[in-house]
Structure formats: structure tokens, C-alpha cells
Amino acid sequence: MIIFITGGVRSGKSSFALQVAEKNVTSNGVIHYIATSRRSDSEMEERINRHIKERQMREKVYVTHEKPTHIEDLIPNFKKEDVVILDCLTGLLTQEFFKGIEKGLELWKEPEFLQQLYIRLSSTFEELQRIPIPCIVVTNELFEDIVPNDESTIVYMKLIGELHQNIVALCDQAYLVEAGLPLLKKKVGF
């Protein structure tokens, strides 16, 4: 079961995802928190550590997985009592999309790479939909700003838009969070 949560930066979508997870986890289950951010500098290091501590102080049990790519590797860890939060899809796609850039590679320019990435990520979300636990996918709404003019951003936005549509077609619930208010956009079977 996938619950899709989108919204702008600092809209409250991650806080809402935690509320949904805590409401749905069983008493003997854990909340698997998949963090897609990289520890890229001291500021990010501090932010990640602060978020981990905040989750540890909550009443439910959280297991944090710092996994900026290949989240499909984590699926065998999830049990029927658990809940999964992926925070966030845009971070995951950024890490996957620009893989190799530090080595001077621009894989995102290769249509075969983009097609394989889309297929692998789509398959991952199809598998998450099939497992009988809530999988909460948090993502950023990127389509309300100025249209970019650089090629990599245009290609990235096209791919994230296609992934958003694919996941929303699969999901059981979809929310748009604005100013801390979750707006239900899709509900299936509840």
C-alpha cells in the first residue's frame, strides 16, 4: 500500500508523513525511515543527526536507513507489522540521476540510462505497492516555479513528473500538503 505525499519545500509534508506512519504501525512493528539525503557537508551532517535524534525521541520505534540510491535493496527488511517512509523521492531521483557526475560523467544525457532508471524505480514502487504494509512516499512539488532553461533540470523535471504520475496511479492515498494542511487528492479502498 503506497501513500503519496507531495508539497512544496517546508510545507509540513514530512511531519504529516510521521503522523501517518505512527497511526498505521502496529504495536510490535517499527517505522523504517529511508533518508535519501547525503551527508555532504557539516551543515547537512548536523541536520541529519538532529532529525535522527528527533525521531528517536518519539513514542514509536524508528529505524533509519541512510540510502540515497537503490532503495529496492531494503525491501527484504520490511515485515508485515512495519511501516516505511521514503523521505524523499526527489532526493532519491537526484542522487540516481546525477550518479557519476563527480567523475565527470553525465549519464543523464544518455536515453538508455534514463529509460533504465525509470524502469528500475517504477518496478521498485510496484513492488512496494504489493507488500501489505503502508509505504509512505514523500516528494517535493516542483512544478509551480519558473520553467527552467538548463537541459539537466528540464530532463530531471520530466522524469520526476513521470514518476509522480506512475506512483499516484499505483497508490491508495495521495495528499498535497500546503502550509501544514494535508489535502486528500486520492483515496482507494478506505
C-alpha atoms as a PDB file:
ATOM      1  CA  MET A   1       0.000   0.000   0.000  1.00  0.00           C
ATOM      2  CA  ILE A   2       1.514   3.333  -1.060  1.00  0.00           C
ATOM      3  CA  ILE A   3       0.581   6.671   0.485  1.00  0.00           C
ATOM      4  CA  PHE A   4       1.893   9.521  -1.687  1.00  0.00           C
ATOM      5  CA  ILE A   5       2.579  12.888  -0.001  1.00  0.00           C
ATOM      6  CA  THR A   6       3.682  15.896  -2.020  1.00  0.00           C
ATOM      7  CA  GLY A   7       4.060  19.580  -1.296  1.00  0.00           C
ATOM      8  CA  GLY A   8       6.420  22.495  -1.522  1.00  0.00           C
ATOM      9  CA  VAL A   9       9.604  22.900   0.483  1.00  0.00           C
ATOM     10  CA  ARG A  10       8.850  23.310   4.215  1.00  0.00           C
ATOM     11  CA  SER A  11       5.142  22.678   3.634  1.00  0.00           C
ATOM     12  CA  GLY A  12       4.843  20.188   6.518  1.00  0.00           C
ATOM     13  CA  LYS A  13       4.793  17.049   4.383  1.00  0.00           C
ATOM     14  CA  SER A  14       7.485  15.203   6.385  1.00  0.00           C
ATOM     15  CA  SER A  15       5.721  15.936   9.693  1.00  0.00           C
ATOM     16  CA  PHE A  16       2.477  14.675   8.185  1.00  0.00           C
ATOM     17  CA  ALA A  17       4.264  11.531   6.961  1.00  0.00           C
ATOM     18  CA  LEU A  18       5.445  10.822  10.529  1.00  0.00           C
ATOM     19  CA  GLN A  19       1.871  11.225  11.832  1.00  0.00           C
ATOM     20  CA  VAL A  20       0.520   8.826   9.189  1.00  0.00           C
ATOM     21  CA  ALA A  21       3.266   6.300   9.927  1.00  0.00           C
ATOM     22  CA  GLU A  22       2.707   6.386  13.686  1.00  0.00           C
ATOM     23  CA  LYS A  23      -1.028   5.955  13.192  1.00  0.00           C
ATOM     24  CA  ASN A  24      -0.511   2.881  10.983  1.00  0.00           C
ATOM     25  CA  VAL A  25       2.361   0.993  12.631  1.00  0.00           C
ATOM     26  CA  THR A  26       1.365  -1.948  14.840  1.00  0.00           C
ATOM     27  CA  SER A  27       2.423  -2.121  18.491  1.00  0.00           C
ATOM     28  CA  ASN A  28       5.259  -4.555  17.724  1.00  0.00           C
ATOM     29  CA  GLY A  29       6.251  -3.015  14.389  1.00  0.00           C
ATOM     30  CA  VAL A  30       8.853  -0.418  13.511  1.00  0.00           C
ATOM     31  CA  ILE A  31       8.860   2.561  11.210  1.00  0.00           C
ATOM     32  CA  HIS A  32      11.581   2.219   8.578  1.00  0.00           C
ATOM     33  CA  TYR A  33      12.669   5.732   7.674  1.00  0.00           C
ATOM     34  CA  ILE A  34      14.557   5.791   4.364  1.00  0.00           C
ATOM     35  CA  ALA A  35      16.564   9.015   4.236  1.00  0.00           C
ATOM     36  CA  THR A  36      17.806   9.841   0.747  1.00  0.00           C
ATOM     37  CA  SER A  37      19.956  12.854   1.663  1.00  0.00           C
ATOM     38  CA  ARG A  38      23.728  12.562   1.611  1.00  0.00           C
ATOM     39  CA  ARG A  39      25.989  13.784   4.387  1.00  0.00           C
ATOM     40  CA  SER A  40      27.631  16.265   2.026  1.00  0.00           C
ATOM     41  CA  ASP A  41      28.891  18.907   4.460  1.00  0.00           C
ATOM     42  CA  SER A  42      28.867  19.821   8.163  1.00  0.00           C
ATOM     43  CA  GLU A  43      25.520  21.630   7.897  1.00  0.00           C
ATOM     44  CA  MET A  44      23.873  18.590   6.306  1.00  0.00           C
ATOM     45  CA  GLU A  45      25.570  16.298   8.838  1.00  0.00           C
ATOM     46  CA  GLU A  46      24.101  18.367  11.685  1.00  0.00           C
ATOM     47  CA  ARG A  47      20.646  18.429  10.092  1.00  0.00           C
ATOM     48  CA  ILE A  48      20.579  14.649   9.526  1.00  0.00           C
ATOM     49  CA  ASN A  49      21.750  13.919  13.075  1.00  0.00           C
ATOM     50  CA  ARG A  50      19.130  16.315  14.501  1.00  0.00           C
ATOM     51  CA  HIS A  51      16.351  14.570  12.559  1.00  0.00           C
ATOM     52  CA  ILE A  52      17.517  11.139  13.724  1.00  0.00           C
ATOM     53  CA  LYS A  53      17.511  12.326  17.370  1.00  0.00           C
ATOM     54  CA  GLU A  54      14.041  13.836  16.945  1.00  0.00           C
ATOM     55  CA  ARG A  55      12.694  10.512  15.646  1.00  0.00           C
ATOM     56  CA  GLN A  56      14.372   8.613  18.499  1.00  0.00           C
ATOM     57  CA  MET A  57      12.520  10.818  20.989  1.00  0.00           C
ATOM     58  CA  ARG A  58       9.110   9.891  19.590  1.00  0.00           C
ATOM     59  CA  GLU A  59       6.954   7.161  21.134  1.00  0.00           C
ATOM     60  CA  LYS A  60       7.281   4.749  18.212  1.00  0.00           C
ATOM     61  CA  VAL A  61      10.354   2.778  17.188  1.00  0.00           C
ATOM     62  CA  TYR A  62      12.173   4.168  14.154  1.00  0.00           C
ATOM     63  CA  VAL A  63      14.942   2.518  12.174  1.00  0.00           C
ATOM     64  CA  THR A  64      16.775   4.989   9.942  1.00  0.00           C
ATOM     65  CA  HIS A  65      18.243   3.772   6.664  1.00  0.00           C
ATOM     66  CA  GLU A  66      20.534   6.333   5.041  1.00  0.00           C
ATOM     67  CA  LYS A  67      20.097   5.108   1.478  1.00  0.00           C
ATOM     68  CA  PRO A  68      20.441   7.766  -1.250  1.00  0.00           C
ATOM     69  CA  THR A  69      20.264   5.197  -4.093  1.00  0.00           C
ATOM     70  CA  HIS A  70      18.944   1.694  -4.767  1.00  0.00           C
ATOM     71  CA  ILE A  71      16.221   1.669  -2.111  1.00  0.00           C
ATOM     72  CA  GLU A  72      14.974  -1.630  -3.534  1.00  0.00           C
ATOM     73  CA  ASP A  73      17.788  -3.325  -1.581  1.00  0.00           C
ATOM     74  CA  LEU A  74      15.915  -2.519   1.657  1.00  0.00           C
ATOM     75  CA  ILE A  75      12.623  -4.256   0.813  1.00  0.00           C
ATOM     76  CA  PRO A  76      13.596  -7.626   2.394  1.00  0.00           C
ATOM     77  CA  ASN A  77      13.932  -5.816   5.769  1.00  0.00           C
ATOM     78  CA  PHE A  78      10.244  -4.868   5.944  1.00  0.00           C
ATOM     79  CA  LYS A  79       7.831  -7.035   7.975  1.00  0.00           C
ATOM     80  CA  LYS A  80       4.032  -7.071   7.951  1.00  0.00           C
ATOM     81  CA  GLU A  81       3.875  -5.126  11.252  1.00  0.00           C
ATOM     82  CA  ASP A  82       6.021  -2.275   9.931  1.00  0.00           C
ATOM     83  CA  VAL A  83       5.555   0.997   8.081  1.00  0.00           C
ATOM     84  CA  VAL A  84       8.001   2.541   5.597  1.00  0.00           C
ATOM     85  CA  ILE A  85       8.661   6.235   4.977  1.00  0.00           C
ATOM     86  CA  LEU A  86      10.719   7.268   1.947  1.00  0.00           C
ATOM     87  CA  ASP A  87      11.848  10.861   2.508  1.00  0.00           C
ATOM     88  CA  CYS A  88      12.153  11.917  -0.189  1.00  0.00           C
ATOM     89  CA  LEU A  89      11.624  10.806  -3.779  1.00  0.00           C
ATOM     90  CA  THR A  90      13.103  13.980  -5.246  1.00  0.00           C
ATOM     91  CA  GLY A  91      16.276  13.401  -3.225  1.00  0.00           C
ATOM     92  CA  LEU A  92      16.417   9.780  -4.364  1.00  0.00           C
ATOM     93  CA  LEU A  93      15.991  10.752  -8.010  1.00  0.00           C
ATOM     94  CA  THR A  94      18.617  13.499  -7.694  1.00  0.00           C
ATOM     95  CA  GLN A  95      21.177  11.005  -6.360  1.00  0.00           C
ATOM     96  CA  GLU A  96      20.305   8.422  -9.034  1.00  0.00           C
ATOM     97  CA  PHE A  97      20.026  10.978 -11.863  1.00  0.00           C
ATOM     98  CA  PHE A  98      23.393  12.646 -11.251  1.00  0.00           C
ATOM     99  CA  LYS A  99      25.254   9.427 -10.444  1.00  0.00           C
ATOM    100  CA  GLY A 100      28.777   9.656 -11.777  1.00  0.00           C
ATOM    101  CA  ILE A 101      28.814  13.455 -12.001  1.00  0.00           C
ATOM    102  CA  GLU A 102      31.720  13.659  -9.518  1.00  0.00           C
ATOM    103  CA  LYS A 103      33.712  11.538 -12.001  1.00  0.00           C
ATOM    104  CA  GLY A 104      32.855  13.861 -14.865  1.00  0.00           C
ATOM    105  CA  LEU A 105      30.128  11.565 -16.234  1.00  0.00           C
ATOM    106  CA  GLU A 106      26.837  12.986 -17.448  1.00  0.00           C
ATOM    107  CA  LEU A 107      24.803   9.791 -17.577  1.00  0.00           C
ATOM    108  CA  TRP A 108      21.569  11.802 -17.536  1.00  0.00           C
ATOM    109  CA  LYS A 109      22.285  12.740 -21.167  1.00  0.00           C
ATOM    110  CA  GLU A 110      22.018   9.095 -22.234  1.00  0.00           C
ATOM    111  CA  PRO A 111      18.470   7.994 -23.177  1.00  0.00           C
ATOM    112  CA  GLU A 112      19.244   4.357 -22.282  1.00  0.00           C
ATOM    113  CA  PHE A 113      20.363   5.371 -18.766  1.00  0.00           C
ATOM    114  CA  LEU A 114      17.184   7.424 -18.255  1.00  0.00           C
ATOM    115  CA  GLN A 115      14.965   4.596 -19.508  1.00  0.00           C
ATOM    116  CA  GLN A 116      16.671   2.018 -17.269  1.00  0.00           C
ATOM    117  CA  LEU A 117      16.439   4.364 -14.266  1.00  0.00           C
ATOM    118  CA  TYR A 118      12.733   4.975 -14.853  1.00  0.00           C
ATOM    119  CA  ILE A 119      12.040   1.241 -15.259  1.00  0.00           C
ATOM    120  CA  ARG A 120      14.015   0.314 -12.115  1.00  0.00           C
ATOM    121  CA  LEU A 121      12.366   2.979  -9.959  1.00  0.00           C
ATOM    122  CA  SER A 122       8.905   2.183 -11.325  1.00  0.00           C
ATOM    123  CA  SER A 123       9.472  -1.511 -10.581  1.00  0.00           C
ATOM    124  CA  THR A 124      10.570  -0.639  -7.049  1.00  0.00           C
ATOM    125  CA  PHE A 125       7.349   1.278  -6.397  1.00  0.00           C
ATOM    126  CA  GLU A 126       5.265  -1.510  -7.939  1.00  0.00           C
ATOM    127  CA  GLU A 127       6.950  -3.921  -5.508  1.00  0.00           C
ATOM    128  CA  LEU A 128       6.319  -1.549  -2.582  1.00  0.00           C
ATOM    129  CA  GLN A 129       2.656  -1.371  -3.598  1.00  0.00           C
ATOM    130  CA  ARG A 130       2.391  -5.183  -3.497  1.00  0.00           C
ATOM    131  CA  ILE A 131       3.771  -5.627   0.017  1.00  0.00           C
ATOM    132  CA  PRO A 132       0.974  -5.493   2.606  1.00  0.00           C
ATOM    133  CA  ILE A 133       2.309  -2.581   4.675  1.00  0.00           C
ATOM    134  CA  PRO A 134       1.943   1.179   4.382  1.00  0.00           C
ATOM    135  CA  CYS A 135       4.768   2.710   2.342  1.00  0.00           C
ATOM    136  CA  ILE A 136       4.700   6.491   2.593  1.00  0.00           C
ATOM    137  CA  VAL A 137       6.418   8.299  -0.270  1.00  0.00           C
ATOM    138  CA  VAL A 138       7.302  11.944   0.425  1.00  0.00           C
ATOM    139  CA  THR A 139       8.223  14.131  -2.532  1.00  0.00           C
ATOM    140  CA  ASN A 140       8.603  17.776  -3.465  1.00  0.00           C
ATOM    141  CA  GLU A 141       6.213  19.595  -5.741  1.00  0.00           C
ATOM    142  CA  LEU A 142       8.485  21.166  -8.350  1.00  0.00           C
ATOM    143  CA  PHE A 143       6.056  22.319 -10.997  1.00  0.00           C
ATOM    144  CA  GLU A 144       4.892  25.648  -9.611  1.00  0.00           C
ATOM    145  CA  ASP A 145       8.116  27.594 -10.087  1.00  0.00           C
ATOM    146  CA  ILE A 146       9.611  29.269 -13.132  1.00  0.00           C
ATOM    147  CA  VAL A 147      10.227  26.901 -16.026  1.00  0.00           C
ATOM    148  CA  PRO A 148      13.969  26.172 -16.071  1.00  0.00           C
ATOM    149  CA  ASN A 149      16.107  26.744 -19.121  1.00  0.00           C
ATOM    150  CA  ASP A 150      19.029  24.375 -18.473  1.00  0.00           C
ATOM    151  CA  GLU A 151      18.898  20.948 -20.066  1.00  0.00           C
ATOM    152  CA  SER A 152      19.626  18.823 -16.974  1.00  0.00           C
ATOM    153  CA  THR A 153      16.835  20.445 -14.936  1.00  0.00           C
ATOM    154  CA  ILE A 154      14.338  20.063 -17.790  1.00  0.00           C
ATOM    155  CA  VAL A 155      15.199  16.360 -18.202  1.00  0.00           C
ATOM    156  CA  TYR A 156      15.083  15.845 -14.407  1.00  0.00           C
ATOM    157  CA  MET A 157      11.672  17.536 -14.095  1.00  0.00           C
ATOM    158  CA  LYS A 158      10.264  15.456 -16.938  1.00  0.00           C
ATOM    159  CA  LEU A 159      11.449  12.267 -15.215  1.00  0.00           C
ATOM    160  CA  ILE A 160      10.173  13.239 -11.738  1.00  0.00           C
ATOM    161  CA  GLY A 161       6.834  14.216 -13.289  1.00  0.00           C
ATOM    162  CA  GLU A 162       6.535  10.815 -14.971  1.00  0.00           C
ATOM    163  CA  LEU A 163       7.453   9.059 -11.707  1.00  0.00           C
ATOM    164  CA  HIS A 164       4.907  11.121  -9.766  1.00  0.00           C
ATOM    165  CA  GLN A 165       2.170  10.156 -12.227  1.00  0.00           C
ATOM    166  CA  ASN A 166       3.193   6.492 -12.138  1.00  0.00           C
ATOM    167  CA  ILE A 167       3.229   6.338  -8.328  1.00  0.00           C
ATOM    168  CA  VAL A 168      -0.055   8.224  -7.952  1.00  0.00           C
ATOM    169  CA  ALA A 169      -1.671   5.768 -10.387  1.00  0.00           C
ATOM    170  CA  LEU A 170      -0.466   2.925  -8.110  1.00  0.00           C
ATOM    171  CA  CYS A 171      -1.137   4.478  -4.726  1.00  0.00           C
ATOM    172  CA  ASP A 172      -4.052   4.063  -2.342  1.00  0.00           C
ATOM    173  CA  GLN A 173      -3.925   7.611  -0.988  1.00  0.00           C
ATOM    174  CA  ALA A 174      -2.395  10.822  -2.320  1.00  0.00           C
ATOM    175  CA  TYR A 175      -2.047  14.069  -0.392  1.00  0.00           C
ATOM    176  CA  LEU A 176      -0.930  17.582  -1.236  1.00  0.00           C
ATOM    177  CA  VAL A 177       0.355  19.392   1.870  1.00  0.00           C
ATOM    178  CA  GLU A 178       0.245  23.184   1.906  1.00  0.00           C
ATOM    179  CA  ALA A 179       1.124  25.260   4.978  1.00  0.00           C
ATOM    180  CA  GLY A 180       0.853  22.165   7.169  1.00  0.00           C
ATOM    181  CA  LEU A 181      -2.613  21.251   5.875  1.00  0.00           C
ATOM    182  CA  PRO A 182      -2.885  17.857   4.151  1.00  0.00           C
ATOM    183  CA  LEU A 183      -5.366  17.884   1.287  1.00  0.00           C
ATOM    184  CA  LEU A 184      -6.566  14.413   0.272  1.00  0.00           C
ATOM    185  CA  LYS A 185      -6.396  14.099  -3.530  1.00  0.00           C
ATOM    186  CA  LYS A 186      -6.935  10.356  -3.968  1.00  0.00           C
ATOM    187  CA  LYS A 187      -8.398   7.631  -1.788  1.00  0.00           C
ATOM    188  CA  VAL A 188      -8.879   3.990  -2.756  1.00  0.00           C
ATOM    189  CA  GLY A 189     -10.479   1.272  -0.651  1.00  0.00           C
ATOM    190  CA  PHE A 190     -10.794   3.121   2.650  1.00  0.00           C
END
